[in-house]
Amino acid sequence: MSAKFQDEAVTSLRQDTKELVHKVGERLTGGGYLNLYLRQLQQNPLRTKMLTSGVLSGLQEILASWIAHDVSKNGHYLSPRVPKMVLYGMFISAPLGHFLIGILQKVFAGRTSLKAKVLQILASNLLVSPVQNAVYLTSMAVIAGARTIHQVRATVRAGFMPVMKVSWVTSPIALAFAQKFLPEHTWVPFFNIVGFVIGTYVNTHTKKKRLEALRKRYDQRRGPGSEYDKGDYR
């Protein structure tokens, strides 16, 4: 094969790749999928948010399990928690976020001053986030197997402040970014992405701590210096 033919083949491949990336970008941002999603969000806001939150919650559980190496008894990451997380996202997280963020946007509608923006950030962090995080931790406790009020309360009490600290760091930055650069009708997909990243981080951290605790408990039962089989504690 001649060097000229190789150069032409490489150039053609680069052009085809560039065109493909351009077309995908147009579909995602220009007149394609993003606009279709935003149109559905305006026409059917709650239904669209429910479907979005359900899908992202299920993906979050799968991704967190993969990162934490938390496999099920069958040796894969599709545990019974995945459909439960989908139901949580659809019927708890999405309606609650729709209601709370809707109130926040109505209260501060048309107010663009610096004072109004600061007050919106404070209201989000001091009123909206605590409610959402408390409901999230309660739901996670039930999904994890808590069946009594004492178990649920203990889970919420142990996880509330760590989750709130993450919210207090990320929420002002995300909200300030949305206020500055995004129209209000795009806030929902933006905060869905932010929530997905934060939720995956929290979920992964929780799984790693649980697996570490199970390993320690298994080692204590087996005695010092013993080796364990991963399948026994997962």
Protein backbone atom coordinates (compact mmCIF):
# COMPACT_ATOMS: atom_id res chain seq x y z
CA MET A 1 0.00 0.00 0.00
CA SER A 2 1.51 3.36 -1.04
CA ALA A 3 2.09 6.20 1.39
CA LYS A 4 -0.20 8.46 -0.70
CA PHE A 5 -3.07 5.97 -0.43
CA GLN A 6 -2.55 5.68 3.33
CA ASP A 7 -2.65 9.48 3.72
CA GLU A 8 -5.85 9.69 1.68
CA ALA A 9 -7.45 6.93 3.76
CA VAL A 10 -6.51 8.65 7.03
CA THR A 11 -7.80 12.01 5.75
CA SER A 12 -11.08 10.45 4.62
CA LEU A 13 -11.52 8.72 7.98
CA ARG A 14 -10.92 11.98 9.83
CA GLN A 15 -13.45 13.81 7.67
CA ASP A 16 -16.06 11.11 8.17
CA THR A 17 -15.47 11.15 11.92
CA LYS A 18 -15.72 14.93 12.03
CA GLU A 19 -18.99 14.87 10.09
CA LEU A 20 -20.41 12.18 12.37
CA VAL A 21 -19.51 14.14 15.51
CA HIS A 22 -21.01 17.28 13.98
CA LYS A 23 -24.27 15.49 13.14
CA VAL A 24 -24.52 13.99 16.63
CA GLY A 25 -23.90 17.42 18.15
CA GLU A 26 -26.61 18.94 16.00
CA ARG A 27 -29.07 16.25 17.04
CA LEU A 28 -28.25 16.71 20.71
CA THR A 29 -28.25 20.50 20.82
CA GLY A 30 -29.59 22.06 17.65
CA GLY A 31 -32.96 20.92 16.46
CA GLY A 32 -32.80 17.37 17.74
CA TYR A 33 -33.04 15.44 20.98
CA LEU A 34 -32.52 18.31 23.41
CA ASN A 35 -35.23 20.43 21.83
CA LEU A 36 -37.55 17.42 21.71
CA TYR A 37 -36.91 16.78 25.40
CA LEU A 38 -37.45 20.44 26.31
CA ARG A 39 -40.68 20.50 24.31
CA GLN A 40 -41.92 17.44 26.19
CA LEU A 41 -40.83 19.10 29.42
CA GLN A 42 -43.04 22.10 28.66
CA GLN A 43 -46.01 20.08 27.41
CA ASN A 44 -45.90 17.26 29.99
CA PRO A 45 -43.60 18.52 32.78
CA LEU A 46 -44.33 16.05 35.56
CA ARG A 47 -44.46 12.98 33.32
CA THR A 48 -41.19 13.93 31.63
CA LYS A 49 -39.49 14.54 34.97
CA MET A 50 -40.77 11.22 36.32
CA LEU A 51 -39.39 9.26 33.36
CA THR A 52 -36.09 11.15 33.47
CA SER A 53 -35.64 10.69 37.20
CA GLY A 54 -36.56 7.00 37.03
CA VAL A 55 -34.02 6.25 34.29
CA LEU A 56 -31.25 8.26 35.97
CA SER A 57 -31.91 6.68 39.38
CA GLY A 58 -31.64 3.20 37.90
CA LEU A 59 -28.45 4.09 36.03
CA GLN A 60 -27.07 5.68 39.17
CA GLU A 61 -27.49 2.45 41.11
CA ILE A 62 -25.83 0.37 38.38
CA LEU A 63 -22.93 2.81 38.00
CA ALA A 64 -22.36 3.11 41.75
CA SER A 65 -22.36 -0.70 42.10
CA TRP A 66 -19.81 -0.98 39.29
CA ILE A 67 -17.50 1.67 40.76
CA ALA A 68 -17.72 0.18 44.26
CA HIS A 69 -17.42 -3.42 42.92
CA ASP A 70 -20.65 -4.26 44.74
CA VAL A 71 -21.90 -7.31 42.87
CA SER A 72 -25.03 -9.28 43.68
CA LYS A 73 -25.07 -12.94 44.77
CA ASN A 74 -25.30 -13.86 41.09
CA GLY A 75 -22.08 -12.00 40.33
CA HIS A 76 -23.48 -9.03 38.37
CA TYR A 77 -24.43 -5.43 39.04
CA LEU A 78 -28.16 -5.70 38.26
CA SER A 79 -29.36 -6.17 41.82
CA PRO A 80 -32.98 -5.97 43.05
CA ARG A 81 -32.18 -2.41 44.14
CA VAL A 82 -32.19 -1.20 40.52
CA PRO A 83 -35.98 -1.45 39.89
CA LYS A 84 -36.60 -0.05 43.38
CA MET A 85 -34.42 2.95 42.56
CA VAL A 86 -36.33 3.42 39.30
CA LEU A 87 -39.60 3.49 41.26
CA TYR A 88 -38.09 5.90 43.79
CA GLY A 89 -36.98 8.25 41.02
CA MET A 90 -40.33 8.16 39.24
CA PHE A 91 -42.79 8.36 42.12
CA ILE A 92 -40.91 10.11 44.93
CA SER A 93 -37.91 12.12 43.75
CA ALA A 94 -39.44 13.60 40.58
CA PRO A 95 -42.79 14.74 42.05
CA LEU A 96 -41.06 16.18 45.13
CA GLY A 97 -38.49 18.07 43.04
CA HIS A 98 -41.22 19.26 40.67
CA PHE A 99 -43.20 20.68 43.60
CA LEU A 100 -40.32 22.26 45.55
CA ILE A 101 -38.37 23.73 42.64
CA GLY A 102 -41.63 24.94 41.11
CA ILE A 103 -42.37 26.92 44.28
CA LEU A 104 -38.82 28.30 44.32
CA GLN A 105 -39.06 29.47 40.72
CA LYS A 106 -42.48 31.07 41.26
CA VAL A 107 -41.32 32.96 44.35
CA PHE A 108 -38.30 34.40 42.53
CA ALA A 109 -39.86 34.73 39.06
CA GLY A 110 -38.78 37.95 37.34
CA ARG A 111 -36.36 38.88 40.13
CA THR A 112 -32.90 39.24 38.63
CA SER A 113 -31.11 41.42 41.18
CA LEU A 114 -28.05 40.14 43.03
CA LYS A 115 -29.99 40.15 46.29
CA ALA A 116 -32.75 38.01 44.79
CA LYS A 117 -30.22 35.52 43.41
CA VAL A 118 -28.48 35.22 46.78
CA LEU A 119 -31.83 34.73 48.53
CA GLN A 120 -32.76 32.04 46.01
CA ILE A 121 -29.52 30.19 46.71
CA LEU A 122 -30.10 30.46 50.47
CA ALA A 123 -33.69 29.25 50.15
CA SER A 124 -32.56 26.33 48.05
CA ASN A 125 -29.89 25.28 50.54
CA LEU A 126 -31.80 25.93 53.76
CA LEU A 127 -35.31 24.84 52.74
CA VAL A 128 -35.36 22.73 49.58
CA SER A 129 -32.19 20.66 49.98
CA PRO A 130 -32.90 19.50 53.58
CA VAL A 131 -36.35 18.22 52.60
CA GLN A 132 -35.06 16.45 49.48
CA ASN A 133 -32.11 14.90 51.31
CA ALA A 134 -34.24 13.71 54.24
CA VAL A 135 -36.70 12.06 51.83
CA TYR A 136 -33.79 10.57 49.85
CA LEU A 137 -32.17 9.04 52.95
CA THR A 138 -35.51 7.73 54.20
CA SER A 139 -36.17 6.08 50.85
CA MET A 140 -32.67 4.61 50.71
CA ALA A 141 -33.12 3.16 54.19
CA VAL A 142 -36.36 1.45 53.20
CA ILE A 143 -34.82 0.16 49.96
CA ALA A 144 -31.85 -1.18 51.94
CA GLY A 145 -34.17 -3.15 54.20
CA ALA A 146 -35.11 -0.85 57.10
CA ARG A 147 -38.54 -1.81 58.39
CA THR A 148 -38.92 0.10 61.65
CA ILE A 149 -39.07 3.82 62.40
CA HIS A 150 -36.00 3.43 64.61
CA GLN A 151 -33.96 1.95 61.74
CA VAL A 152 -35.08 4.67 59.33
CA ARG A 153 -34.39 7.43 61.87
CA ALA A 154 -30.92 6.04 62.59
CA THR A 155 -30.09 5.98 58.87
CA VAL A 156 -31.31 9.54 58.33
CA ARG A 157 -29.50 10.81 61.42
CA ALA A 158 -26.21 9.18 60.39
CA GLY A 159 -26.30 10.32 56.77
CA PHE A 160 -28.06 13.68 56.90
CA MET A 161 -25.16 16.01 57.69
CA PRO A 162 -22.64 14.33 55.31
CA VAL A 163 -25.17 14.58 52.48
CA MET A 164 -26.04 18.17 53.42
CA LYS A 165 -22.35 19.14 53.35
CA VAL A 166 -22.11 17.83 49.80
CA SER A 167 -25.26 19.77 48.89
CA TRP A 168 -23.97 22.97 50.49
CA VAL A 169 -20.80 22.77 48.41
CA THR A 170 -22.32 21.82 45.06
CA SER A 171 -25.80 23.39 45.14
CA PRO A 172 -24.73 27.08 45.30
CA ILE A 173 -22.29 26.57 42.45
CA ALA A 174 -24.85 24.74 40.30
CA LEU A 175 -27.63 27.23 41.04
CA ALA A 176 -25.37 30.25 40.43
CA PHE A 177 -24.31 28.70 37.11
CA ALA A 178 -27.94 28.13 36.12
CA GLN A 179 -28.90 31.68 37.11
CA LYS A 180 -26.09 33.13 35.04
CA PHE A 181 -26.04 31.00 31.90
CA LEU A 182 -29.23 28.92 31.54
CA PRO A 183 -32.84 29.80 30.72
CA GLU A 184 -35.28 28.50 33.33
CA HIS A 185 -36.78 25.84 31.04
CA THR A 186 -33.36 24.14 30.84
CA TRP A 187 -32.85 24.04 34.61
CA VAL A 188 -34.53 20.66 35.01
CA PRO A 189 -32.19 18.65 32.73
CA PHE A 190 -29.21 20.56 34.12
CA PHE A 191 -30.08 19.78 37.75
CA ASN A 192 -30.90 16.21 36.74
CA ILE A 193 -27.32 15.82 35.54
CA VAL A 194 -25.91 17.48 38.66
CA GLY A 195 -28.11 15.31 40.87
CA PHE A 196 -27.06 12.20 38.98
CA VAL A 197 -23.37 12.93 39.56
CA ILE A 198 -23.86 13.76 43.26
CA GLY A 199 -26.17 10.80 43.82
CA THR A 200 -23.70 8.43 42.18
CA TYR A 201 -20.92 9.76 44.40
CA VAL A 202 -22.96 9.41 47.60
CA ASN A 203 -24.24 5.98 46.61
CA THR A 204 -20.75 4.76 45.73
CA HIS A 205 -19.32 6.07 49.00
CA THR A 206 -22.10 4.37 50.97
CA LYS A 207 -21.56 1.05 49.17
CA LYS A 208 -17.81 1.14 49.79
CA LYS A 209 -18.33 1.81 53.50
CA ARG A 210 -20.85 -1.04 53.73
CA LEU A 211 -18.54 -3.49 51.96
CA GLU A 212 -15.63 -2.45 54.17
CA ALA A 213 -17.74 -3.01 57.28
CA LEU A 214 -18.80 -6.44 56.01
CA ARG A 215 -15.18 -7.39 55.32
CA LYS A 216 -14.13 -6.37 58.83
CA ARG A 217 -16.99 -8.28 60.40
CA TYR A 218 -16.15 -11.36 58.32
CA ASP A 219 -12.47 -11.15 59.33
CA GLN A 220 -13.42 -10.88 62.99
CA ARG A 221 -15.51 -14.04 62.72
CA ARG A 222 -12.73 -15.91 60.95
CA GLY A 223 -9.99 -14.67 63.26
CA PRO A 224 -6.78 -12.70 62.60
CA GLY A 225 -4.78 -13.57 59.53
CA SER A 226 -7.56 -15.49 57.85
CA GLU A 227 -8.44 -15.11 54.18
CA TYR A 228 -11.99 -14.60 53.01
CA ASP A 229 -13.90 -15.42 49.91
CA LYS A 230 -15.52 -12.38 48.34
CA GLY A 231 -18.64 -14.33 47.55
CA ASP A 232 -19.28 -14.87 51.27
CA TYR A 233 -19.83 -11.24 52.17
CA ARG A 234 -21.40 -9.78 49.06
